[in-house]
Protein backbone atom coordinates (compact mmCIF):
# COMPACT_ATOMS: atom_id res chain seq x y z
CA MET A 1 -24.75 8.23 -21.55
CA LYS A 2 -22.47 5.57 -23.13
CA ARG A 3 -20.30 5.36 -20.02
CA LEU A 4 -23.37 5.14 -17.82
CA ILE A 5 -24.66 2.22 -19.89
CA ALA A 6 -21.20 0.60 -19.68
CA THR A 7 -21.14 1.01 -15.92
CA LEU A 8 -24.56 -0.55 -15.54
CA ALA A 9 -23.53 -3.41 -17.73
CA VAL A 10 -20.47 -4.19 -15.54
CA ALA A 11 -22.66 -3.98 -12.42
CA ALA A 12 -25.04 -6.50 -13.92
CA GLY A 13 -22.17 -8.84 -14.87
CA LEU A 14 -22.45 -8.14 -18.59
CA ALA A 15 -19.78 -7.30 -21.03
CA ALA A 16 -19.29 -3.51 -21.31
CA PRO A 17 -19.99 -2.05 -24.74
CA ALA A 18 -17.00 -0.81 -26.76
CA LEU A 19 -16.07 2.84 -26.20
CA ALA A 20 -13.35 5.16 -27.42
CA GLU A 21 -11.11 4.90 -24.44
CA ASP A 22 -8.66 7.28 -22.70
CA VAL A 23 -5.32 5.77 -21.89
CA VAL A 24 -3.88 6.07 -18.35
CA LYS A 25 -0.33 4.88 -17.77
CA PHE A 26 -0.29 3.48 -14.22
CA GLY A 27 2.81 2.56 -12.13
CA SER A 28 3.40 0.33 -9.13
CA LEU A 29 5.71 -2.29 -7.82
CA ARG A 30 4.91 -5.73 -9.13
CA VAL A 31 2.50 -6.41 -6.23
CA PRO A 32 -1.23 -6.95 -6.04
CA VAL A 33 -3.01 -3.52 -5.91
CA GLN A 34 -6.58 -2.64 -6.48
CA VAL A 35 -6.09 -1.25 -9.99
CA TYR A 36 -5.32 -4.76 -11.38
CA ALA A 37 -8.48 -6.22 -9.93
CA GLY A 38 -10.39 -3.26 -11.39
CA MET A 39 -8.91 -4.03 -14.72
CA GLY A 40 -9.91 -7.63 -14.56
CA LYS A 41 -13.35 -6.74 -13.27
CA GLY A 42 -13.99 -4.21 -16.01
CA PHE A 43 -14.50 -1.14 -13.82
CA PHE A 44 -11.95 1.00 -15.77
CA GLU A 45 -13.34 -0.17 -19.12
CA ALA A 46 -16.78 0.86 -17.98
CA GLU A 47 -15.41 4.37 -17.41
CA GLY A 48 -13.90 4.49 -20.91
CA ILE A 49 -10.33 4.08 -19.55
CA THR A 50 -7.55 1.77 -20.80
CA VAL A 51 -4.96 1.18 -18.15
CA GLU A 52 -1.40 0.57 -19.30
CA PRO A 53 0.65 -0.92 -16.39
CA THR A 54 4.28 0.03 -15.74
CA PHE A 55 6.10 -2.00 -13.06
CA PHE A 56 9.02 -0.59 -11.07
CA LYS A 57 11.71 -2.55 -9.20
CA SER A 58 11.95 -0.09 -6.36
CA GLY A 59 9.55 2.32 -4.58
CA SER A 60 12.23 5.01 -4.94
CA GLU A 61 11.65 4.98 -8.74
CA ILE A 62 7.92 5.76 -8.56
CA ALA A 63 7.83 9.36 -7.36
CA PRO A 64 10.31 10.55 -10.07
CA ALA A 65 8.37 8.67 -12.72
CA VAL A 66 5.13 10.44 -11.77
CA ALA A 67 6.80 13.76 -11.37
CA THR A 68 8.25 13.60 -14.93
CA GLY A 69 5.10 12.25 -16.45
CA GLN A 70 6.51 8.82 -17.29
CA VAL A 71 3.30 7.48 -15.73
CA ASP A 72 -0.02 9.37 -15.18
CA ALA A 73 -0.94 7.70 -11.91
CA ALA A 74 0.88 5.43 -9.44
CA ILE A 75 0.67 3.80 -6.01
CA THR A 76 3.48 4.77 -3.69
CA THR A 77 4.12 4.32 0.03
CA SER A 78 4.65 6.84 2.74
CA GLY A 79 8.02 7.57 4.23
CA ALA A 80 11.09 9.77 4.05
CA ALA A 81 11.52 9.23 0.29
CA LEU A 82 8.08 10.61 -0.35
CA PHE A 83 8.43 13.69 1.83
CA ASN A 84 11.96 14.50 0.58
CA ALA A 85 10.69 14.26 -3.04
CA LEU A 86 7.95 16.73 -2.22
CA ALA A 87 10.42 19.01 -0.49
CA ARG A 88 12.70 19.00 -3.53
CA GLY A 89 9.79 20.20 -5.67
CA ALA A 90 8.57 16.88 -7.20
CA GLU A 91 5.42 17.71 -9.08
CA PHE A 92 2.71 15.11 -8.21
CA THR A 93 -0.47 15.15 -6.12
CA ILE A 94 -1.78 12.69 -3.56
CA VAL A 95 -5.45 12.08 -4.44
CA ALA A 96 -6.60 8.94 -2.55
CA GLU A 97 -5.62 6.21 -0.18
CA ALA A 98 -4.29 2.89 -1.42
CA LEU A 99 -3.56 0.98 1.78
CA ASN A 100 -4.87 1.61 5.33
CA ILE A 101 -3.48 -0.02 8.41
CA GLU A 102 -7.04 -0.90 9.49
CA PRO A 103 -7.96 -2.93 12.60
CA GLY A 104 -10.41 -5.64 11.55
CA ALA A 105 -9.76 -5.02 7.83
CA PRO A 106 -11.88 -7.33 5.61
CA GLY A 107 -8.74 -8.93 4.13
CA GLY A 108 -6.68 -9.05 7.29
CA ASP A 109 -3.53 -7.11 8.18
CA PRO A 110 -0.70 -7.90 5.74
CA THR A 111 1.98 -6.26 7.84
CA ALA A 112 3.39 -7.61 11.12
CA ILE A 113 6.56 -7.86 13.25
CA MET A 114 7.62 -11.56 13.23
CA VAL A 115 10.05 -13.17 15.60
CA ARG A 116 11.99 -16.40 15.91
CA SER A 117 10.10 -18.79 18.13
CA ASP A 118 13.32 -19.59 20.11
CA ALA A 119 14.43 -15.96 20.49
CA GLY A 120 12.60 -15.46 23.81
CA ILE A 121 10.58 -12.47 22.49
CA GLU A 122 7.14 -12.37 23.89
CA SER A 123 6.59 -8.54 23.99
CA GLY A 124 8.09 -5.39 22.71
CA ALA A 125 10.20 -5.02 25.84
CA ASP A 126 12.04 -8.21 24.85
CA LEU A 127 13.32 -6.63 21.68
CA ALA A 128 16.10 -4.91 23.74
CA GLY A 129 19.44 -6.38 22.67
CA LYS A 130 17.94 -8.10 19.62
CA LYS A 131 18.40 -7.72 15.85
CA ILE A 132 15.37 -6.71 13.80
CA ALA A 133 15.20 -6.66 9.99
CA VAL A 134 13.62 -3.58 8.31
CA THR A 135 13.47 -2.52 4.71
CA ALA A 136 15.31 0.82 5.02
CA PRO A 137 15.48 3.84 7.42
CA GLY A 138 12.53 6.20 7.07
CA GLN A 139 10.25 3.85 5.18
CA ILE A 140 6.74 3.24 6.58
CA LEU A 141 7.74 -0.24 7.80
CA ASP A 142 10.71 1.25 9.69
CA MET A 143 8.36 3.82 11.23
CA ILE A 144 6.02 1.02 12.53
CA VAL A 145 8.99 -0.68 14.19
CA ASN A 146 10.19 2.58 15.72
CA GLU A 147 6.73 3.32 17.05
CA TYR A 148 6.37 -0.13 18.56
CA ILE A 149 9.76 0.19 20.22
CA ALA A 150 8.69 3.60 21.71
CA GLN A 151 5.36 2.20 22.88
CA SER A 152 7.20 -0.68 24.54
CA GLY A 153 9.51 1.62 26.47
CA VAL A 154 12.64 0.36 24.84
CA ASN A 155 15.64 2.57 24.17
CA PRO A 156 16.08 2.63 20.34
CA GLU A 157 19.82 2.36 20.82
CA ASP A 158 19.33 -1.04 22.44
CA VAL A 159 17.82 -2.49 19.27
CA THR A 160 19.98 -3.25 16.21
CA LYS A 161 18.19 -2.77 12.94
CA VAL A 162 19.40 -4.51 9.80
CA GLY A 163 18.39 -3.27 6.32
CA MET A 164 17.06 -6.11 4.21
CA ALA A 165 14.81 -6.80 1.22
CA PRO A 166 11.48 -8.48 2.15
CA PRO A 167 12.30 -11.81 0.38
CA ASP A 168 15.53 -12.14 2.35
CA MET A 169 13.83 -11.73 5.72
CA VAL A 170 12.36 -15.33 5.80
CA PRO A 171 15.70 -17.10 5.57
CA ALA A 172 17.31 -14.55 7.84
CA LEU A 173 14.82 -15.35 10.55
CA THR A 174 14.97 -19.06 10.17
CA ASN A 175 18.69 -19.28 10.14
CA GLY A 176 19.11 -16.93 13.17
CA SER A 177 20.73 -14.02 11.39
CA VAL A 178 18.13 -11.77 12.95
CA ASP A 179 15.75 -12.17 15.81
CA ALA A 180 12.82 -10.35 14.41
CA ALA A 181 11.62 -8.75 11.13
CA ILE A 182 8.75 -6.56 10.02
CA MET A 183 7.21 -8.42 7.19
CA ILE A 184 4.41 -7.95 4.62
CA ASP A 185 2.48 -10.82 3.11
CA PRO A 186 3.10 -13.22 1.47
CA PHE A 187 6.36 -13.31 3.35
CA GLN A 188 4.87 -13.42 6.90
CA SER A 189 2.59 -16.33 5.82
CA ILE A 190 5.59 -18.12 4.35
CA ALA A 191 7.52 -17.61 7.56
CA LEU A 192 4.66 -18.82 9.73
CA GLY A 193 4.32 -21.90 7.56
CA GLY A 194 7.89 -22.98 8.41
CA GLY A 195 6.94 -23.50 12.07
CA THR A 196 9.90 -21.66 13.55
CA VAL A 197 8.51 -18.18 13.45
CA THR A 198 5.63 -16.52 15.37
CA ARG A 199 3.79 -13.21 15.05
CA LEU A 200 4.67 -10.65 17.71
CA VAL A 201 2.36 -7.86 16.77
CA ARG A 202 0.30 -6.63 13.84
CA ALA A 203 0.84 -3.16 12.32
CA SER A 204 -2.81 -2.37 12.98
CA GLU A 205 -2.16 -2.74 16.65
CA VAL A 206 0.73 -0.33 16.60
CA MET A 207 -0.43 2.45 14.26
CA PRO A 208 -4.19 1.95 13.60
CA GLY A 209 -5.70 4.11 10.91
CA THR A 210 -2.40 4.97 9.25
CA SER A 211 -2.54 5.64 5.53
CA GLN A 212 0.35 3.39 4.42
CA ALA A 213 0.20 3.94 0.67
CA PHE A 214 -1.43 6.43 -1.70
CA MET A 215 -2.72 6.94 -5.24
CA VAL A 216 -0.74 9.87 -6.75
CA TYR A 217 -1.33 11.80 -9.99
CA SER A 218 1.09 13.61 -12.31
CA ASN A 219 0.49 17.18 -13.27
CA GLY A 220 -0.58 15.94 -16.69
CA MET A 221 -3.25 13.68 -15.15
CA MET A 222 -4.48 16.54 -12.92
CA ALA A 223 -4.93 18.62 -16.10
CA ARG A 224 -7.19 15.93 -17.58
CA GLU A 225 -9.90 16.46 -14.86
CA ASP A 226 -12.59 14.39 -16.47
CA VAL A 227 -10.26 11.41 -16.91
CA ALA A 228 -8.82 11.97 -13.44
CA VAL A 229 -12.33 11.75 -11.89
CA ARG A 230 -13.34 8.75 -13.96
CA PHE A 231 -10.15 6.88 -13.01
CA LEU A 232 -10.89 7.50 -9.33
CA ARG A 233 -14.46 6.45 -9.80
CA ALA A 234 -13.39 3.14 -11.22
CA TYR A 235 -10.75 2.84 -8.50
CA LYS A 236 -13.44 3.42 -5.81
CA ALA A 237 -15.76 0.84 -7.38
CA THR A 238 -12.82 -1.57 -7.32
CA ASN A 239 -11.97 -0.94 -3.69
CA ASP A 240 -15.64 -1.32 -2.70
CA TRP A 241 -15.83 -4.60 -4.53
CA ILE A 242 -12.65 -5.93 -3.04
CA ARG A 243 -13.79 -5.16 0.51
CA GLU A 244 -16.98 -7.21 -0.17
CA ALA A 245 -15.19 -9.96 -2.10
CA LEU A 246 -12.64 -10.58 0.74
CA ALA A 247 -15.47 -11.59 3.05
CA THR A 248 -16.27 -14.79 1.07
CA PRO A 249 -14.22 -17.73 -0.26
CA GLU A 250 -15.82 -17.26 -3.64
CA GLY A 251 -14.87 -13.54 -3.76
CA ARG A 252 -11.34 -14.31 -2.68
CA THR A 253 -11.01 -16.87 -5.43
CA GLU A 254 -12.25 -14.37 -8.01
CA LEU A 255 -9.90 -11.68 -6.69
CA ALA A 256 -7.03 -14.14 -6.74
CA GLY A 257 -7.64 -14.78 -10.36
CA TYR A 258 -7.42 -11.16 -11.30
CA TYR A 259 -4.21 -10.69 -9.37
CA GLN A 260 -2.71 -13.79 -10.84
CA GLN A 261 -3.59 -12.44 -14.28
CA TYR A 262 -1.65 -9.22 -13.88
CA VAL A 263 0.91 -10.04 -11.07
CA PRO A 264 1.40 -13.77 -11.41
CA ALA A 265 2.69 -15.75 -8.36
CA LYS A 266 4.37 -19.06 -8.68
CA ASP A 267 1.48 -20.57 -6.89
CA ALA A 268 -1.79 -18.80 -7.71
CA SER A 269 -3.43 -20.17 -4.53
CA VAL A 270 -1.35 -17.92 -2.43
CA TYR A 271 -3.66 -15.02 -3.16
CA GLU A 272 -6.48 -16.97 -1.55
CA LYS A 273 -4.57 -17.55 1.67
CA ILE A 274 -2.56 -14.46 2.52
CA ALA A 275 -3.77 -11.29 4.20
CA MET A 276 -4.73 -8.64 1.61
CA GLY A 277 -4.71 -5.06 2.63
CA THR A 278 -7.15 -2.47 1.22
CA ALA A 279 -7.80 1.16 1.44
CA SER A 280 -10.36 2.36 3.83
CA GLU A 281 -13.96 2.43 2.56
CA SER A 282 -13.90 6.24 1.95
CA LEU A 283 -10.41 6.26 0.30
CA ALA A 284 -9.71 9.45 2.19
CA VAL A 285 -6.11 9.96 3.20
CA ASN A 286 -5.43 10.27 6.93
CA VAL A 287 -3.70 13.63 7.06
CA ASP A 288 -4.37 15.15 10.44
CA GLY A 289 -5.57 12.17 12.47
CA ASP A 290 -3.61 9.90 14.79
CA TYR A 291 -0.53 8.61 12.85
CA GLY A 292 -1.67 10.78 9.92
CA LEU A 293 0.62 12.24 7.23
CA ARG A 294 1.55 15.29 9.31
CA TRP A 295 2.50 13.08 12.24
CA GLN A 296 4.57 10.90 9.98
CA MET A 297 6.32 13.87 8.43
CA GLN A 298 7.13 15.49 11.74
CA THR A 299 8.43 12.19 13.16
CA LEU A 300 10.78 11.90 10.22
CA ILE A 301 11.85 15.55 10.56
CA ASP A 302 12.63 14.90 14.31
CA ALA A 303 14.66 11.88 13.29
CA GLY A 304 16.73 13.94 10.85
CA LEU A 305 15.50 11.90 7.87
CA VAL A 306 13.58 14.77 6.33
CA PRO A 307 15.84 17.89 6.39
CA GLN A 308 13.25 20.26 4.94
CA ALA A 309 9.51 20.09 5.52
CA PRO A 310 7.55 20.15 2.27
CA ASP A 311 4.33 22.13 1.81
CA LEU A 312 2.06 19.11 2.34
CA ASP A 313 -1.16 20.95 1.52
CA ALA A 314 0.18 21.94 -1.94
CA HIS A 315 0.43 18.25 -2.82
CA LEU A 316 -3.00 17.08 -1.56
CA ASN A 317 -6.23 17.10 -3.48
CA THR A 318 -9.57 15.93 -2.08
CA ALA A 319 -11.90 17.55 -4.61
CA LEU A 320 -11.34 14.79 -7.24
CA LEU A 321 -12.22 12.02 -4.84
CA ASP A 322 -15.26 13.96 -3.71
CA GLN A 323 -16.42 14.17 -7.34
CA ALA A 324 -15.74 10.49 -7.93
CA SER A 325 -17.59 9.49 -4.79
CA ASN A 326 -20.65 11.56 -5.63
């Protein structure tokens, strides 16, 4: 009853009453993800949960941190590192979606392949003989590039891929070190602002409906079923609110304030301008659909980047999200 009162108070814009709260250690890269907006908005407090953020420097650090119980929940991206961790017996469970490559997403598409305006690249076919910057082989951004190259009928051997951290891609494009790069915002917006870079294609045009990132739980979190469901309920309330907030300037400004509070940018206004990805409305992970997890896993197996296929079903749980949604 106390948590119901708290939830109604938050929905009405009132301060939630004080509760004895459960602590959930949450991990992510230092990037704007839904949980930080939910913390600012009070959704987790309304569920009697105190979120303790832990920031990681690399996505490769997240899966081991969840598997060992360093954090209870985390957001991590798809790719070879995820599937290889599962194949090696890493103990964590995918429970919900965190980012969907969604055509017509309310906050826009934060991922795109960008090209130098003077590189003569007007379509995917023009990437033959060019250099394109990617984060690392087997990561989801690399998979988007590979799929676009395949859709364009280009021989992968005719494209030179250069591994590079996202912040380094902007100067690499502008100084001509590479001809193209797959970028996430805010970097694609920064690149566009320089006037020498154009957008070739959005990720949502290449692999629509792809679950790009996920919420994962540790075994310890899975054992705390009541807390696990309440955390997901607050997470879903946050995602619902964000999808509505992104439709208005006022909502974007409020959202920017929460992100600036927990993941400060040098210029807070950047959060009001860039594309902000969200999970799908249902938060359901795309497993068996087009570009779903099984497709991604098989693609990486075929490329030799995942030597051993994990038992994917053993690391998926939909029941907790169903409980939270109901």
